[in-house]
N, C-alpha and C. Protein backbone atom coordinates (compact mmCIF):
# COMPACT_ATOMS: atom_id res chain seq x y z
N MET A 1 90.38 23.07 24.91
CA MET A 1 91.20 24.25 24.72
C MET A 1 90.59 25.10 23.62
N ALA A 2 90.77 26.40 23.76
CA ALA A 2 90.24 27.35 22.79
C ALA A 2 91.37 28.26 22.32
N ILE A 3 91.16 28.91 21.21
CA ILE A 3 92.14 29.84 20.66
C ILE A 3 91.55 31.24 20.74
N PHE A 4 92.36 32.18 21.23
CA PHE A 4 91.93 33.56 21.40
C PHE A 4 92.91 34.49 20.70
N LEU A 5 92.39 35.60 20.20
CA LEU A 5 93.18 36.64 19.56
C LEU A 5 92.92 37.93 20.32
N VAL A 6 93.98 38.63 20.68
CA VAL A 6 93.85 39.92 21.35
C VAL A 6 94.54 40.97 20.48
N GLU A 7 93.78 41.98 20.07
CA GLU A 7 94.36 43.13 19.36
C GLU A 7 94.82 44.11 20.42
N MET A 8 96.10 44.43 20.40
CA MET A 8 96.68 45.30 21.41
C MET A 8 96.56 46.76 21.00
N ALA A 9 96.63 47.65 21.98
CA ALA A 9 96.49 49.09 21.75
C ALA A 9 97.63 49.63 20.89
N ASP A 10 98.80 48.98 20.90
CA ASP A 10 99.94 49.45 20.11
C ASP A 10 99.91 48.95 18.67
N GLY A 11 98.84 48.24 18.28
CA GLY A 11 98.71 47.73 16.92
C GLY A 11 99.17 46.29 16.73
N SER A 12 99.79 45.71 17.72
CA SER A 12 100.23 44.32 17.61
C SER A 12 99.07 43.39 17.96
N GLU A 13 99.29 42.09 17.75
CA GLU A 13 98.29 41.07 18.05
C GLU A 13 98.93 39.96 18.86
N MET A 14 98.14 39.31 19.66
CA MET A 14 98.61 38.18 20.47
C MET A 14 97.60 37.06 20.32
N ILE A 15 98.07 35.87 19.97
CA ILE A 15 97.21 34.69 19.87
C ILE A 15 97.58 33.75 21.02
N LEU A 16 96.55 33.30 21.75
CA LEU A 16 96.77 32.43 22.90
C LEU A 16 95.89 31.20 22.80
N THR A 17 96.39 30.09 23.32
CA THR A 17 95.59 28.89 23.50
C THR A 17 95.39 28.73 25.00
N ALA A 18 94.13 28.65 25.41
CA ALA A 18 93.82 28.53 26.84
C ALA A 18 92.52 27.76 26.99
N GLY A 19 92.28 27.30 28.19
CA GLY A 19 91.05 26.58 28.47
C GLY A 19 89.84 27.50 28.46
N ARG A 20 90.02 28.73 28.94
CA ARG A 20 88.95 29.72 28.94
C ARG A 20 89.53 31.11 29.12
N ALA A 21 88.69 32.09 28.83
CA ALA A 21 89.05 33.49 29.03
C ALA A 21 87.87 34.18 29.71
N THR A 22 88.18 35.20 30.48
CA THR A 22 87.14 35.97 31.14
C THR A 22 87.51 37.44 31.16
N ARG A 23 86.51 38.28 31.07
CA ARG A 23 86.71 39.71 31.23
C ARG A 23 86.33 40.04 32.67
N THR A 24 87.24 40.65 33.40
CA THR A 24 87.00 40.96 34.81
C THR A 24 86.19 42.24 34.94
N GLU A 25 85.75 42.53 36.14
CA GLU A 25 85.01 43.77 36.38
C GLU A 25 85.87 44.99 36.12
N ALA A 26 87.19 44.87 36.26
CA ALA A 26 88.11 45.97 35.99
C ALA A 26 88.35 46.16 34.49
N GLY A 27 87.86 45.23 33.66
CA GLY A 27 88.03 45.33 32.22
C GLY A 27 89.21 44.56 31.67
N ASP A 28 90.00 43.94 32.53
CA ASP A 28 91.12 43.12 32.09
C ASP A 28 90.61 41.79 31.56
N VAL A 29 91.39 41.14 30.70
CA VAL A 29 91.03 39.81 30.21
C VAL A 29 92.04 38.82 30.76
N ALA A 30 91.54 37.80 31.45
CA ALA A 30 92.38 36.78 32.06
C ALA A 30 92.19 35.47 31.31
N PHE A 31 93.30 34.78 31.05
CA PHE A 31 93.28 33.48 30.36
C PHE A 31 93.71 32.42 31.36
N GLU A 32 93.00 31.28 31.35
CA GLU A 32 93.25 30.23 32.32
C GLU A 32 93.40 28.88 31.66
N TYR A 33 94.19 28.01 32.29
CA TYR A 33 94.34 26.61 31.89
C TYR A 33 93.62 25.74 32.89
N VAL A 34 93.30 24.52 32.49
CA VAL A 34 92.72 23.55 33.40
C VAL A 34 93.58 22.29 33.39
N ASP A 35 93.79 21.70 34.57
CA ASP A 35 94.58 20.47 34.62
C ASP A 35 93.65 19.26 34.53
N ALA A 36 94.23 18.07 34.60
CA ALA A 36 93.47 16.83 34.44
C ALA A 36 92.44 16.62 35.55
N ARG A 37 92.62 17.30 36.67
CA ARG A 37 91.68 17.16 37.79
C ARG A 37 90.59 18.24 37.78
N GLY A 38 90.62 19.11 36.78
CA GLY A 38 89.60 20.16 36.69
C GLY A 38 89.92 21.42 37.46
N ASN A 39 91.17 21.57 37.87
CA ASN A 39 91.59 22.77 38.60
C ASN A 39 92.04 23.85 37.62
N TRP A 40 91.47 25.04 37.74
CA TRP A 40 91.81 26.15 36.85
C TRP A 40 92.94 26.97 37.43
N SER A 41 93.86 27.46 36.57
CA SER A 41 94.95 28.32 37.02
C SER A 41 95.19 29.41 35.98
N LEU A 42 95.48 30.58 36.47
CA LEU A 42 95.72 31.74 35.62
C LEU A 42 97.02 31.58 34.86
N CYS A 43 96.99 31.84 33.55
CA CYS A 43 98.23 31.75 32.77
C CYS A 43 98.66 33.10 32.20
N CYS A 44 97.71 34.03 32.01
CA CYS A 44 98.06 35.32 31.42
C CYS A 44 96.92 36.30 31.67
N THR A 45 97.26 37.54 31.94
CA THR A 45 96.26 38.61 32.06
C THR A 45 96.68 39.76 31.17
N VAL A 46 95.73 40.28 30.40
CA VAL A 46 95.98 41.46 29.55
C VAL A 46 95.17 42.60 30.14
N HIS A 47 95.85 43.67 30.52
CA HIS A 47 95.17 44.81 31.13
C HIS A 47 94.38 45.59 30.09
N SER A 48 93.27 46.13 30.51
CA SER A 48 92.35 46.82 29.59
C SER A 48 93.02 47.97 28.86
N ALA A 49 93.96 48.66 29.49
CA ALA A 49 94.64 49.78 28.84
C ALA A 49 95.55 49.33 27.69
N GLN A 50 95.96 48.06 27.71
CA GLN A 50 96.85 47.52 26.68
C GLN A 50 96.10 46.89 25.52
N MET A 51 94.78 46.76 25.61
CA MET A 51 94.02 45.95 24.68
C MET A 51 92.95 46.77 23.97
N LYS A 52 92.75 46.47 22.67
CA LYS A 52 91.63 47.06 21.94
C LYS A 52 90.45 46.10 21.91
N THR A 53 90.65 44.87 21.42
CA THR A 53 89.57 43.91 21.26
C THR A 53 90.07 42.49 21.53
N ALA A 54 89.21 41.67 22.12
CA ALA A 54 89.51 40.25 22.31
C ALA A 54 88.54 39.44 21.45
N TYR A 55 89.06 38.37 20.83
CA TYR A 55 88.26 37.50 19.96
C TYR A 55 88.43 36.06 20.41
N ALA A 56 87.38 35.26 20.22
CA ALA A 56 87.45 33.81 20.41
C ALA A 56 87.25 33.17 19.05
N ARG A 57 88.01 32.14 18.74
CA ARG A 57 87.87 31.44 17.46
C ARG A 57 86.73 30.44 17.56
N ARG A 58 85.78 30.55 16.65
CA ARG A 58 84.61 29.68 16.65
C ARG A 58 84.36 29.15 15.25
N VAL A 59 83.81 27.95 15.18
CA VAL A 59 83.41 27.36 13.91
C VAL A 59 81.91 27.60 13.76
N GLY A 60 81.52 28.26 12.67
CA GLY A 60 80.13 28.58 12.43
C GLY A 60 79.34 27.38 11.93
N GLU A 61 78.04 27.57 11.77
CA GLU A 61 77.17 26.51 11.29
C GLU A 61 77.55 26.06 9.88
N ASP A 62 78.22 26.94 9.13
CA ASP A 62 78.65 26.60 7.78
C ASP A 62 79.98 25.85 7.75
N GLY A 63 80.56 25.60 8.94
CA GLY A 63 81.81 24.87 9.04
C GLY A 63 83.05 25.72 8.88
N VAL A 64 82.89 27.03 8.73
CA VAL A 64 84.02 27.94 8.56
C VAL A 64 84.41 28.53 9.91
N ALA A 65 85.71 28.47 10.23
CA ALA A 65 86.20 29.06 11.47
C ALA A 65 86.38 30.56 11.29
N ARG A 66 86.00 31.31 12.32
CA ARG A 66 86.14 32.77 12.26
C ARG A 66 86.40 33.31 13.66
N TRP A 67 86.92 34.55 13.70
CA TRP A 67 87.16 35.23 14.96
C TRP A 67 85.89 35.94 15.38
N VAL A 68 85.39 35.63 16.56
CA VAL A 68 84.16 36.23 17.08
C VAL A 68 84.57 37.25 18.15
N PRO A 69 84.26 38.54 17.94
CA PRO A 69 84.63 39.53 18.94
C PRO A 69 83.87 39.34 20.24
N GLN A 70 84.56 39.52 21.34
CA GLN A 70 83.94 39.43 22.66
C GLN A 70 83.52 40.84 23.09
N LEU A 71 82.63 40.93 24.04
CA LEU A 71 82.12 42.22 24.49
C LEU A 71 83.25 43.11 25.00
N SER A 72 83.16 44.40 24.70
CA SER A 72 84.20 45.33 25.15
C SER A 72 83.89 45.92 26.51
N ALA A 73 82.72 45.60 27.06
CA ALA A 73 82.35 46.08 28.39
C ALA A 73 81.56 44.99 29.10
N GLY A 74 81.66 44.97 30.40
CA GLY A 74 80.93 43.98 31.19
C GLY A 74 81.66 42.66 31.28
N ARG A 75 81.13 41.78 32.13
CA ARG A 75 81.74 40.47 32.36
C ARG A 75 81.36 39.49 31.26
N TRP A 76 82.27 38.59 30.92
CA TRP A 76 81.96 37.48 30.03
C TRP A 76 82.96 36.36 30.25
N TRP A 77 82.55 35.17 29.83
CA TRP A 77 83.40 33.98 29.83
C TRP A 77 83.39 33.42 28.42
N ALA A 78 84.50 32.92 27.95
CA ALA A 78 84.56 32.24 26.65
C ALA A 78 85.38 30.97 26.82
N TYR A 79 84.88 29.87 26.26
CA TYR A 79 85.56 28.57 26.36
C TYR A 79 85.94 28.10 24.99
């Protein structure tokens, strides 16, 4: 499981725990869970018009956790 932060266009923030996140070709960000058998299912989608930036929480080489911004254009996956 990973932790994600989404900065919304209205100034609010949303923190989600999900198995992975992906940016679709339409620019939306979809968050998915995985079950014990490895089956992925959609749990939440944030439309591009509602979102400013998506971040994934990562631990750096120095051992400090930080929010890493994801690309604002194009496809990506984050686990």
